Amino acid sequence: NWGEGWGFMPSDRALVFVDNHDNQRGHGAGGASILTFFDARLYKMG
C-alpha cells in the first residue's frame, strides 16, 4: 500500500526521489537510511 497508505501526501501533489543532493550527504531528512550511489546494489533496487 505504498504511497498515501504510508501517510504520504496525495500522489498528484508529490515530487518523489530516492535521494537528493542534501540527504545523500546526511543533510536534511532521512539520515543513514537514505540510499545513495555508495550502496549501488540497494540503490538500483530503490
ModelCIF file with pLDDT and N, C-alpha, C, O atoms, coordinates in Angstrom:
data_MODEL
#
_entry.id   MODEL 
#
_entity.id                         1 
_entity.type                       polymer 
_entity.pdbx_number_of_molecules   1 
#
_entity_poly.entity_id                      1 
_entity_poly.type                           'polypeptide(L)' 
_entity_poly.nstd_linkage                   no 
_entity_poly.nstd_monomer                   no 
_entity_poly.pdbx_seq_one_letter_code       NWGEGWGFMPSDRALVFVDNHDNQRGHGAGGASILTFFDARLYKMG 
_entity_poly.pdbx_seq_one_letter_code_can   NWGEGWGFMPSDRALVFVDNHDNQRGHGAGGASILTFFDARLYKMG 
_entity_poly.pdbx_strand_id                 A 
#
loop_
_entity_poly_seq.entity_id 
_entity_poly_seq.num 
_entity_poly_seq.mon_id 
_entity_poly_seq.hetero 
1 1  ASN n 
1 2  TRP n 
1 3  GLY n 
1 4  GLU n 
1 5  GLY n 
1 6  TRP n 
1 7  GLY n 
1 8  PHE n 
1 9  MET n 
1 10 PRO n 
1 11 SER n 
1 12 ASP n 
1 13 ARG n 
1 14 ALA n 
1 15 LEU n 
1 16 VAL n 
1 17 PHE n 
1 18 VAL n 
1 19 ASP n 
1 20 ASN n 
1 21 HIS n 
1 22 ASP n 
1 23 ASN n 
1 24 GLN n 
1 25 ARG n 
1 26 GLY n 
1 27 HIS n 
1 28 GLY n 
1 29 ALA n 
1 30 GLY n 
1 31 GLY n 
1 32 ALA n 
1 33 SER n 
1 34 ILE n 
1 35 LEU n 
1 36 THR n 
1 37 PHE n 
1 38 PHE n 
1 39 ASP n 
1 40 ALA n 
1 41 ARG n 
1 42 LEU n 
1 43 TYR n 
1 44 LYS n 
1 45 MET n 
1 46 GLY n 
#
_struct_asym.id          A 
_struct_asym.entity_id   1 
#
loop_
_ma_qa_metric.id 
_ma_qa_metric.mode 
_ma_qa_metric.name 
_ma_qa_metric.software_group_id 
_ma_qa_metric.type 
1 global pLDDT . pLDDT 
2 local  pLDDT . pLDDT 
#
_ma_qa_metric_global.metric_id      1 
_ma_qa_metric_global.metric_value   95.78 
_ma_qa_metric_global.model_id       1 
_ma_qa_metric_global.ordinal_id     1 
#
loop_
_ma_qa_metric_local.label_asym_id 
_ma_qa_metric_local.label_comp_id 
_ma_qa_metric_local.label_seq_id 
_ma_qa_metric_local.metric_id 
_ma_qa_metric_local.metric_value 
_ma_qa_metric_local.model_id 
_ma_qa_metric_local.ordinal_id 
A ASN 1  2 98.00 1 1  
A TRP 2  2 98.00 1 2  
A GLY 3  2 98.00 1 3  
A GLU 4  2 97.00 1 4  
A GLY 5  2 98.00 1 5  
A TRP 6  2 98.00 1 6  
A GLY 7  2 97.00 1 7  
A PHE 8  2 98.00 1 8  
A MET 9  2 98.00 1 9  
A PRO 10 2 97.00 1 10 
A SER 11 2 98.00 1 11 
A ASP 12 2 97.00 1 12 
A ARG 13 2 97.00 1 13 
A ALA 14 2 98.00 1 14 
A LEU 15 2 98.00 1 15 
A VAL 16 2 98.00 1 16 
A PHE 17 2 98.00 1 17 
A VAL 18 2 98.00 1 18 
A ASP 19 2 98.00 1 19 
A ASN 20 2 98.00 1 20 
A HIS 21 2 97.00 1 21 
A ASP 22 2 96.00 1 22 
A ASN 23 2 95.00 1 23 
A GLN 24 2 97.00 1 24 
A ARG 25 2 95.00 1 25 
A GLY 26 2 91.00 1 26 
A HIS 27 2 87.00 1 27 
A GLY 28 2 79.00 1 28 
A ALA 29 2 84.00 1 29 
A GLY 30 2 83.00 1 30 
A GLY 31 2 88.00 1 31 
A ALA 32 2 91.00 1 32 
A SER 33 2 96.00 1 33 
A ILE 34 2 97.00 1 34 
A LEU 35 2 98.00 1 35 
A THR 36 2 98.00 1 36 
A PHE 37 2 98.00 1 37 
A PHE 38 2 98.00 1 38 
A ASP 39 2 97.00 1 39 
A ALA 40 2 98.00 1 40 
A ARG 41 2 98.00 1 41 
A LEU 42 2 98.00 1 42 
A TYR 43 2 98.00 1 43 
A LYS 44 2 98.00 1 44 
A MET 45 2 98.00 1 45 
A GLY 46 2 98.00 1 46 
#
loop_
_atom_site.group_PDB 
_atom_site.id 
_atom_site.type_symbol 
_atom_site.label_atom_id 
_atom_site.label_alt_id 
_atom_site.label_comp_id 
_atom_site.label_asym_id 
_atom_site.label_entity_id 
_atom_site.label_seq_id 
_atom_site.pdbx_PDB_ins_code 
_atom_site.Cartn_x 
_atom_site.Cartn_y 
_atom_site.Cartn_z 
_atom_site.occupancy 
_atom_site.B_iso_or_equiv 
_atom_site.pdbx_formal_charge 
_atom_site.auth_seq_id 
_atom_site.auth_comp_id 
_atom_site.auth_asym_id 
_atom_site.auth_atom_id 
_atom_site.pdbx_PDB_model_num 
ATOM 1   N N  . ASN A 1 1  ? 0.835  -1.218 0.000  1.00 98.00 ? 1  ASN A N  1 
ATOM 2   C CA . ASN A 1 1  ? 0.000  0.000  0.000  1.00 98.00 ? 1  ASN A CA 1 
ATOM 3   C C  . ASN A 1 1  ? 0.866  1.264  0.000  1.00 98.00 ? 1  ASN A C  1 
ATOM 4   O O  . ASN A 1 1  ? 0.493  2.283  0.582  1.00 98.00 ? 1  ASN A O  1 
ATOM 5   N N  . TRP A 1 2  ? 2.014  1.186  -0.652 1.00 98.00 ? 2  TRP A N  1 
ATOM 6   C CA . TRP A 1 2  ? 2.971  2.304  -0.743 1.00 98.00 ? 2  TRP A CA 1 
ATOM 7   C C  . TRP A 1 2  ? 2.301  3.563  -1.284 1.00 98.00 ? 2  TRP A C  1 
ATOM 8   O O  . TRP A 1 2  ? 1.453  3.502  -2.174 1.00 98.00 ? 2  TRP A O  1 
ATOM 9   N N  . GLY A 1 3  ? 2.699  4.700  -0.729 1.00 98.00 ? 3  GLY A N  1 
ATOM 10  C CA . GLY A 1 3  ? 2.134  5.970  -1.165 1.00 98.00 ? 3  GLY A CA 1 
ATOM 11  C C  . GLY A 1 3  ? 1.279  6.569  -0.059 1.00 98.00 ? 3  GLY A C  1 
ATOM 12  O O  . GLY A 1 3  ? 1.706  6.651  1.092  1.00 98.00 ? 3  GLY A O  1 
ATOM 13  N N  . GLU A 1 4  ? 0.068  6.988  -0.416 1.00 97.00 ? 4  GLU A N  1 
ATOM 14  C CA . GLU A 1 4  ? -0.817 7.589  0.586  1.00 97.00 ? 4  GLU A CA 1 
ATOM 15  C C  . GLU A 1 4  ? -1.053 6.647  1.774  1.00 97.00 ? 4  GLU A C  1 
ATOM 16  O O  . GLU A 1 4  ? -1.248 7.099  2.903  1.00 97.00 ? 4  GLU A O  1 
ATOM 17  N N  . GLY A 1 5  ? -1.034 5.316  1.504  1.00 98.00 ? 5  GLY A N  1 
ATOM 18  C CA . GLY A 1 5  ? -1.227 4.339  2.576  1.00 98.00 ? 5  GLY A CA 1 
ATOM 19  C C  . GLY A 1 5  ? -0.137 4.372  3.636  1.00 98.00 ? 5  GLY A C  1 
ATOM 20  O O  . GLY A 1 5  ? -0.312 3.844  4.734  1.00 98.00 ? 5  GLY A O  1 
ATOM 21  N N  . TRP A 1 6  ? 0.981  4.991  3.304  1.00 98.00 ? 6  TRP A N  1 
ATOM 22  C CA . TRP A 1 6  ? 2.086  5.141  4.266  1.00 98.00 ? 6  TRP A CA 1 
ATOM 23  C C  . TRP A 1 6  ? 2.077  6.524  4.919  1.00 98.00 ? 6  TRP A C  1 
ATOM 24  O O  . TRP A 1 6  ? 3.032  6.901  5.599  1.00 98.00 ? 6  TRP A O  1 
ATOM 25  N N  . GLY A 1 7  ? 1.002  7.269  4.710  1.00 97.00 ? 7  GLY A N  1 
ATOM 26  C CA . GLY A 1 7  ? 0.925  8.603  5.308  1.00 97.00 ? 7  GLY A CA 1 
ATOM 27  C C  . GLY A 1 7  ? 1.596  9.675  4.472  1.00 97.00 ? 7  GLY A C  1 
ATOM 28  O O  . GLY A 1 7  ? 1.875  10.765 4.970  1.00 97.00 ? 7  GLY A O  1 
ATOM 29  N N  . PHE A 1 8  ? 1.863  9.373  3.184  1.00 98.00 ? 8  PHE A N  1 
ATOM 30  C CA . PHE A 1 8  ? 2.459  10.374 2.300  1.00 98.00 ? 8  PHE A CA 1 
ATOM 31  C C  . PHE A 1 8  ? 1.374  11.317 1.797  1.00 98.00 ? 8  PHE A C  1 
ATOM 32  O O  . PHE A 1 8  ? 0.182  11.025 1.898  1.00 98.00 ? 8  PHE A O  1 
ATOM 33  N N  . MET A 1 9  ? 1.805  12.452 1.253  1.00 98.00 ? 9  MET A N  1 
ATOM 34  C CA . MET A 1 9  ? 0.877  13.421 0.678  1.00 98.00 ? 9  MET A CA 1 
ATOM 35  C C  . MET A 1 9  ? 0.201  12.814 -0.569 1.00 98.00 ? 9  MET A C  1 
ATOM 36  O O  . MET A 1 9  ? 0.682  11.811 -1.095 1.00 98.00 ? 9  MET A O  1 
ATOM 37  N N  . PRO A 1 10 ? -0.910 13.410 -1.046 1.00 97.00 ? 10 PRO A N  1 
ATOM 38  C CA . PRO A 1 10 ? -1.554 12.892 -2.252 1.00 97.00 ? 10 PRO A CA 1 
ATOM 39  C C  . PRO A 1 10 ? -0.569 12.798 -3.410 1.00 97.00 ? 10 PRO A C  1 
ATOM 40  O O  . PRO A 1 10 ? 0.297  13.658 -3.574 1.00 97.00 ? 10 PRO A O  1 
ATOM 41  N N  . SER A 1 11 ? -0.711 11.745 -4.209 1.00 98.00 ? 11 SER A N  1 
ATOM 42  C CA . SER A 1 11 ? 0.222  11.474 -5.306 1.00 98.00 ? 11 SER A CA 1 
ATOM 43  C C  . SER A 1 11 ? 0.353  12.652 -6.262 1.00 98.00 ? 11 SER A C  1 
ATOM 44  O O  . SER A 1 11 ? 1.447  12.941 -6.746 1.00 98.00 ? 11 SER A O  1 
ATOM 45  N N  . ASP A 1 12 ? -0.769 13.340 -6.538 1.00 97.00 ? 12 ASP A N  1 
ATOM 46  C CA . ASP A 1 12 ? -0.725 14.430 -7.515 1.00 97.00 ? 12 ASP A CA 1 
ATOM 47  C C  . ASP A 1 12 ? -0.159 15.723 -6.948 1.00 97.00 ? 12 ASP A C  1 
ATOM 48  O O  . ASP A 1 12 ? -0.114 16.741 -7.638 1.00 97.00 ? 12 ASP A O  1 
ATOM 49  N N  . ARG A 1 13 ? 0.275  15.684 -5.680 1.00 97.00 ? 13 ARG A N  1 
ATOM 50  C CA . ARG A 1 13 ? 0.950  16.836 -5.064 1.00 97.00 ? 13 ARG A CA 1 
ATOM 51  C C  . ARG A 1 13 ? 2.423  16.546 -4.773 1.00 97.00 ? 13 ARG A C  1 
ATOM 52  O O  . ARG A 1 13 ? 3.157  17.431 -4.335 1.00 97.00 ? 13 ARG A O  1 
ATOM 53  N N  . ALA A 1 14 ? 2.851  15.307 -5.017 1.00 98.00 ? 14 ALA A N  1 
ATOM 54  C CA . ALA A 1 14 ? 4.170  14.870 -4.567 1.00 98.00 ? 14 ALA A CA 1 
ATOM 55  C C  . ALA A 1 14 ? 5.216  14.871 -5.674 1.00 98.00 ? 14 ALA A C  1 
ATOM 56  O O  . ALA A 1 14 ? 4.955  14.405 -6.783 1.00 98.00 ? 14 ALA A O  1 
ATOM 57  N N  . LEU A 1 15 ? 6.405  15.397 -5.370 1.00 98.00 ? 15 LEU A N  1 
ATOM 58  C CA . LEU A 1 15 ? 7.595  15.143 -6.170 1.00 98.00 ? 15 LEU A CA 1 
ATOM 59  C C  . LEU A 1 15 ? 8.454  14.191 -5.347 1.00 98.00 ? 15 LEU A C  1 
ATOM 60  O O  . LEU A 1 15 ? 8.776  14.481 -4.195 1.00 98.00 ? 15 LEU A O  1 
ATOM 61  N N  . VAL A 1 16 ? 8.826  13.051 -5.939 1.00 98.00 ? 16 VAL A N  1 
ATOM 62  C CA . VAL A 1 16 ? 9.479  11.990 -5.157 1.00 98.00 ? 16 VAL A CA 1 
ATOM 63  C C  . VAL A 1 16 ? 10.863 11.653 -5.703 1.00 98.00 ? 16 VAL A C  1 
ATOM 64  O O  . VAL A 1 16 ? 11.165 11.870 -6.877 1.00 98.00 ? 16 VAL A O  1 
ATOM 65  N N  . PHE A 1 17 ? 11.697 11.113 -4.806 1.00 98.00 ? 17 PHE A N  1 
ATOM 66  C CA . PHE A 1 17 ? 13.090 10.822 -5.128 1.00 98.00 ? 17 PHE A CA 1 
ATOM 67  C C  . PHE A 1 17 ? 13.624 9.870  -4.069 1.00 98.00 ? 17 PHE A C  1 
ATOM 68  O O  . PHE A 1 17 ? 13.166 9.874  -2.927 1.00 98.00 ? 17 PHE A O  1 
ATOM 69  N N  . VAL A 1 18 ? 14.597 9.055  -4.461 1.00 98.00 ? 18 VAL A N  1 
ATOM 70  C CA . VAL A 1 18 ? 15.236 8.141  -3.513 1.00 98.00 ? 18 VAL A CA 1 
ATOM 71  C C  . VAL A 1 18 ? 16.244 8.905  -2.665 1.00 98.00 ? 18 VAL A C  1 
ATOM 72  O O  . VAL A 1 18 ? 16.332 8.695  -1.455 1.00 98.00 ? 18 VAL A O  1 
ATOM 73  N N  . ASP A 1 19 ? 17.004 9.792  -3.303 1.00 98.00 ? 19 ASP A N  1 
ATOM 74  C CA . ASP A 1 19 ? 17.948 10.659 -2.585 1.00 98.00 ? 19 ASP A CA 1 
ATOM 75  C C  . ASP A 1 19 ? 18.013 11.994 -3.306 1.00 98.00 ? 19 ASP A C  1 
ATOM 76  O O  . ASP A 1 19 ? 17.617 12.100 -4.466 1.00 98.00 ? 19 ASP A O  1 
ATOM 77  N N  . ASN A 1 20 ? 18.516 13.019 -2.612 1.00 98.00 ? 20 ASN A N  1 
ATOM 78  C CA . ASN A 1 20 ? 18.774 14.301 -3.270 1.00 98.00 ? 20 ASN A CA 1 
ATOM 79  C C  . ASN A 1 20 ? 20.148 14.802 -2.844 1.00 98.00 ? 20 ASN A C  1 
ATOM 80  O O  . ASN A 1 20 ? 20.844 14.143 -2.071 1.00 98.00 ? 20 ASN A O  1 
ATOM 81  N N  . HIS A 1 21 ? 20.535 15.971 -3.350 1.00 97.00 ? 21 HIS A N  1 
ATOM 82  C CA . HIS A 1 21 ? 21.900 16.454 -3.121 1.00 97.00 ? 21 HIS A CA 1 
ATOM 83  C C  . HIS A 1 21 ? 22.181 16.728 -1.646 1.00 97.00 ? 21 HIS A C  1 
ATOM 84  O O  . HIS A 1 21 ? 23.336 16.688 -1.221 1.00 97.00 ? 21 HIS A O  1 
ATOM 85  N N  . ASP A 1 22 ? 21.155 17.000 -0.872 1.00 96.00 ? 22 ASP A N  1 
ATOM 86  C CA . ASP A 1 22 ? 21.340 17.232 0.567  1.00 96.00 ? 22 ASP A CA 1 
ATOM 87  C C  . ASP A 1 22 ? 21.431 15.923 1.347  1.00 96.00 ? 22 ASP A C  1 
ATOM 88  O O  . ASP A 1 22 ? 22.419 15.664 2.034  1.00 96.00 ? 22 ASP A O  1 
ATOM 89  N N  . ASN A 1 23 ? 20.372 15.089 1.228  1.00 95.00 ? 23 ASN A N  1 
ATOM 90  C CA . ASN A 1 23 ? 20.325 13.944 2.140  1.00 95.00 ? 23 ASN A CA 1 
ATOM 91  C C  . ASN A 1 23 ? 21.277 12.821 1.755  1.00 95.00 ? 23 ASN A C  1 
ATOM 92  O O  . ASN A 1 23 ? 21.507 11.915 2.556  1.00 95.00 ? 23 ASN A O  1 
ATOM 93  N N  . GLN A 1 24 ? 21.843 12.857 0.536  1.00 97.00 ? 24 GLN A N  1 
ATOM 94  C CA . GLN A 1 24 ? 22.890 11.871 0.244  1.00 97.00 ? 24 GLN A CA 1 
ATOM 95  C C  . GLN A 1 24 ? 24.169 12.217 1.022  1.00 97.00 ? 24 GLN A C  1 
ATOM 96  O O  . GLN A 1 24 ? 25.079 11.395 1.128  1.00 97.00 ? 24 GLN A O  1 
ATOM 97  N N  . ARG A 1 25 ? 24.227 13.435 1.559  1.00 95.00 ? 25 ARG A N  1 
ATOM 98  C CA . ARG A 1 25 ? 25.355 13.882 2.376  1.00 95.00 ? 25 ARG A CA 1 
ATOM 99  C C  . ARG A 1 25 ? 25.028 13.899 3.871  1.00 95.00 ? 25 ARG A C  1 
ATOM 100 O O  . ARG A 1 25 ? 25.820 14.374 4.685  1.00 95.00 ? 25 ARG A O  1 
ATOM 101 N N  . GLY A 1 26 ? 23.845 13.372 4.220  1.00 91.00 ? 26 GLY A N  1 
ATOM 102 C CA . GLY A 1 26 ? 23.468 13.375 5.627  1.00 91.00 ? 26 GLY A CA 1 
ATOM 103 C C  . GLY A 1 26 ? 22.790 14.643 6.078  1.00 91.00 ? 26 GLY A C  1 
ATOM 104 O O  . GLY A 1 26 ? 22.484 14.781 7.263  1.00 91.00 ? 26 GLY A O  1 
ATOM 105 N N  . HIS A 1 27 ? 22.537 15.597 5.154  1.00 87.00 ? 27 HIS A N  1 
ATOM 106 C CA . HIS A 1 27 ? 21.805 16.826 5.486  1.00 87.00 ? 27 HIS A CA 1 
ATOM 107 C C  . HIS A 1 27 ? 20.315 16.572 5.319  1.00 87.00 ? 27 HIS A C  1 
ATOM 108 O O  . HIS A 1 27 ? 19.912 15.581 4.709  1.00 87.00 ? 27 HIS A O  1 
ATOM 109 N N  . GLY A 1 28 ? 19.505 17.461 5.857  1.00 79.00 ? 28 GLY A N  1 
ATOM 110 C CA . GLY A 1 28 ? 18.080 17.419 5.534  1.00 79.00 ? 28 GLY A CA 1 
ATOM 111 C C  . GLY A 1 28 ? 17.344 16.322 6.262  1.00 79.00 ? 28 GLY A C  1 
ATOM 112 O O  . GLY A 1 28 ? 17.181 16.382 7.481  1.00 79.00 ? 28 GLY A O  1 
ATOM 113 N N  . ALA A 1 29 ? 16.892 15.309 5.521  1.00 84.00 ? 29 ALA A N  1 
ATOM 114 C CA . ALA A 1 29 ? 15.976 14.340 6.120  1.00 84.00 ? 29 ALA A CA 1 
ATOM 115 C C  . ALA A 1 29 ? 16.343 12.926 5.742  1.00 84.00 ? 29 ALA A C  1 
ATOM 116 O O  . ALA A 1 29 ? 16.778 12.659 4.622  1.00 84.00 ? 29 ALA A O  1 
ATOM 117 N N  . GLY A 1 30 ? 16.163 12.021 6.686  1.00 83.00 ? 30 GLY A N  1 
ATOM 118 C CA . GLY A 1 30 ? 16.297 10.603 6.387  1.00 83.00 ? 30 GLY A CA 1 
ATOM 119 C C  . GLY A 1 30 ? 17.485 9.932  7.040  1.00 83.00 ? 30 GLY A C  1 
ATOM 120 O O  . GLY A 1 30 ? 17.460 8.730  7.303  1.00 83.00 ? 30 GLY A O  1 
ATOM 121 N N  . GLY A 1 31 ? 18.551 10.724 7.310  1.00 88.00 ? 31 GLY A N  1 
ATOM 122 C CA . GLY A 1 31 ? 19.706 10.161 7.999  1.00 88.00 ? 31 GLY A CA 1 
ATOM 123 C C  . GLY A 1 31 ? 20.342 9.014  7.228  1.00 88.00 ? 31 GLY A C  1 
ATOM 124 O O  . GLY A 1 31 ? 20.395 9.024  5.998  1.00 88.00 ? 31 GLY A O  1 
ATOM 125 N N  . ALA A 1 32 ? 20.826 8.020  7.981  1.00 91.00 ? 32 ALA A N  1 
ATOM 126 C CA . ALA A 1 32 ? 21.601 6.921  7.390  1.00 91.00 ? 32 ALA A CA 1 
ATOM 127 C C  . ALA A 1 32 ? 20.754 5.982  6.540  1.00 91.00 ? 32 ALA A C  1 
ATOM 128 O O  . ALA A 1 32 ? 21.300 5.168  5.796  1.00 91.00 ? 32 ALA A O  1 
ATOM 129 N N  . SER A 1 33 ? 19.430 6.079  6.636  1.00 96.00 ? 33 SER A N  1 
ATOM 130 C CA . SER A 1 33 ? 18.591 5.167  5.842  1.00 96.00 ? 33 SER A CA 1 
ATOM 131 C C  . SER A 1 33 ? 18.604 5.513  4.361  1.00 96.00 ? 33 SER A C  1 
ATOM 132 O O  . SER A 1 33 ? 18.290 4.657  3.533  1.00 96.00 ? 33 SER A O  1 
ATOM 133 N N  . ILE A 1 34 ? 18.960 6.746  4.005  1.00 97.00 ? 34 ILE A N  1 
ATOM 134 C CA . ILE A 1 34 ? 18.905 7.192  2.609  1.00 97.00 ? 34 ILE A CA 1 
ATOM 135 C C  . ILE A 1 34 ? 19.834 6.345  1.740  1.00 97.00 ? 34 ILE A C  1 
ATOM 136 O O  . ILE A 1 34 ? 21.018 6.190  2.043  1.00 97.00 ? 34 ILE A O  1 
ATOM 137 N N  . LEU A 1 35 ? 19.279 5.799  0.657  1.00 98.00 ? 35 LEU A N  1 
ATOM 138 C CA . LEU A 1 35 ? 20.070 5.024  -0.301 1.00 98.00 ? 35 LEU A CA 1 
ATOM 139 C C  . LEU A 1 35 ? 20.774 5.973  -1.263 1.00 98.00 ? 35 LEU A C  1 
ATOM 140 O O  . LEU A 1 35 ? 20.171 6.933  -1.744 1.00 98.00 ? 35 LEU A O  1 
ATOM 141 N N  . THR A 1 36 ? 22.057 5.706  -1.547 1.00 98.00 ? 36 THR A N  1 
ATOM 142 C CA . THR A 1 36 ? 22.817 6.535  -2.485 1.00 98.00 ? 36 THR A CA 1 
ATOM 143 C C  . THR A 1 36 ? 23.666 5.646  -3.381 1.00 98.00 ? 36 THR A C  1 
ATOM 144 O O  . THR A 1 36 ? 23.680 4.425  -3.227 1.00 98.00 ? 36 THR A O  1 
ATOM 145 N N  . PHE A 1 37 ? 24.369 6.264  -4.312 1.00 98.00 ? 37 PHE A N  1 
ATOM 146 C CA . PHE A 1 37 ? 25.235 5.516  -5.226 1.00 98.00 ? 37 PHE A CA 1 
ATOM 147 C C  . PHE A 1 37 ? 26.338 4.769  -4.493 1.00 98.00 ? 37 PHE A C  1 
ATOM 148 O O  . PHE A 1 37 ? 26.907 3.822  -5.036 1.00 98.00 ? 37 PHE A O  1 
ATOM 149 N N  . PHE A 1 38 ? 26.651 5.183  -3.258 1.00 98.00 ? 38 PHE A N  1 
ATOM 150 C CA . PHE A 1 38 ? 27.654 4.463  -2.469 1.00 98.00 ? 38 PHE A CA 1 
ATOM 151 C C  . PHE A 1 38 ? 27.178 3.037  -2.137 1.00 98.00 ? 38 PHE A C  1 
ATOM 152 O O  . PHE A 1 38 ? 27.995 2.146  -1.903 1.00 98.00 ? 38 PHE A O  1 
ATOM 153 N N  . ASP A 1 39 ? 25.847 2.829  -2.120 1.00 97.00 ? 39 ASP A N  1 
ATOM 154 C CA . ASP A 1 39 ? 25.255 1.489  -1.899 1.00 97.00 ? 39 ASP A CA 1 
ATOM 155 C C  . ASP A 1 39 ? 24.621 1.048  -3.217 1.00 97.00 ? 39 ASP A C  1 
ATOM 156 O O  . ASP A 1 39 ? 23.405 0.867  -3.288 1.00 97.00 ? 39 ASP A O  1 
ATOM 157 N N  . ALA A 1 40 ? 25.431 0.875  -4.259 1.00 98.00 ? 40 ALA A N  1 
ATOM 158 C CA . ALA A 1 40 ? 24.900 0.766  -5.624 1.00 98.00 ? 40 ALA A CA 1 
ATOM 159 C C  . ALA A 1 40 ? 23.854 -0.333 -5.788 1.00 98.00 ? 40 ALA A C  1 
ATOM 160 O O  . ALA A 1 40 ? 22.838 -0.119 -6.449 1.00 98.00 ? 40 ALA A O  1 
ATOM 161 N N  . ARG A 1 41 ? 24.084 -1.511 -5.196 1.00 98.00 ? 41 ARG A N  1 
ATOM 162 C CA . ARG A 1 41 ? 23.150 -2.628 -5.399 1.00 98.00 ? 41 ARG A CA 1 
ATOM 163 C C  . ARG A 1 41 ? 21.774 -2.305 -4.822 1.00 98.00 ? 41 ARG A C  1 
ATOM 164 O O  . ARG A 1 41 ? 20.756 -2.500 -5.487 1.00 98.00 ? 41 ARG A O  1 
ATOM 165 N N  . LEU A 1 42 ? 21.745 -1.817 -3.600 1.00 98.00 ? 42 LEU A N  1 
ATOM 166 C CA . LEU A 1 42 ? 20.472 -1.458 -2.976 1.00 98.00 ? 42 LEU A CA 1 
ATOM 167 C C  . LEU A 1 42 ? 19.857 -0.232 -3.651 1.00 98.00 ? 42 LEU A C  1 
ATOM 168 O O  . LEU A 1 42 ? 18.640 -0.139 -3.810 1.00 98.00 ? 42 LEU A O  1 
ATOM 169 N N  . TYR A 1 43 ? 20.716 0.700  -4.043 1.00 98.00 ? 43 TYR A N  1 
ATOM 170 C CA . TYR A 1 43 ? 20.241 1.938  -4.664 1.00 98.00 ? 43 TYR A CA 1 
ATOM 171 C C  . TYR A 1 43 ? 19.481 1.654  -5.955 1.00 98.00 ? 43 TYR A C  1 
ATOM 172 O O  . TYR A 1 43 ? 18.415 2.223  -6.187 1.00 98.00 ? 43 TYR A O  1 
ATOM 173 N N  . LYS A 1 44 ? 20.026 0.774  -6.795 1.00 98.00 ? 44 LYS A N  1 
ATOM 174 C CA . LYS A 1 44 ? 19.351 0.446  -8.056 1.00 98.00 ? 44 LYS A CA 1 
ATOM 175 C C  . LYS A 1 44 ? 17.989 -0.186 -7.788 1.00 98.00 ? 44 LYS A C  1 
ATOM 176 O O  . LYS A 1 44 ? 17.034 0.073  -8.520 1.00 98.00 ? 44 LYS A O  1 
ATOM 177 N N  . MET A 1 45 ? 17.889 -1.017 -6.742 1.00 98.00 ? 45 MET A N  1 
ATOM 178 C CA . MET A 1 45 ? 16.574 -1.583 -6.390 1.00 98.00 ? 45 MET A CA 1 
ATOM 179 C C  . MET A 1 45 ? 15.607 -0.478 -5.974 1.00 98.00 ? 45 MET A C  1 
ATOM 180 O O  . MET A 1 45 ? 14.450 -0.472 -6.395 1.00 98.00 ? 45 MET A O  1 
ATOM 181 N N  . GLY A 1 46 ? 16.078 0.458  -5.147 1.00 98.00 ? 46 GLY A N  1 
ATOM 182 C CA . GLY A 1 46 ? 15.222 1.547  -4.679 1.00 98.00 ? 46 GLY A CA 1 
ATOM 183 C C  . GLY A 1 46 ? 14.720 2.414  -5.816 1.00 98.00 ? 46 GLY A C  1 
ATOM 184 O O  . GLY A 1 46 ? 13.986 3.374  -5.583 1.00 98.00 ? 46 GLY A O  1 
#
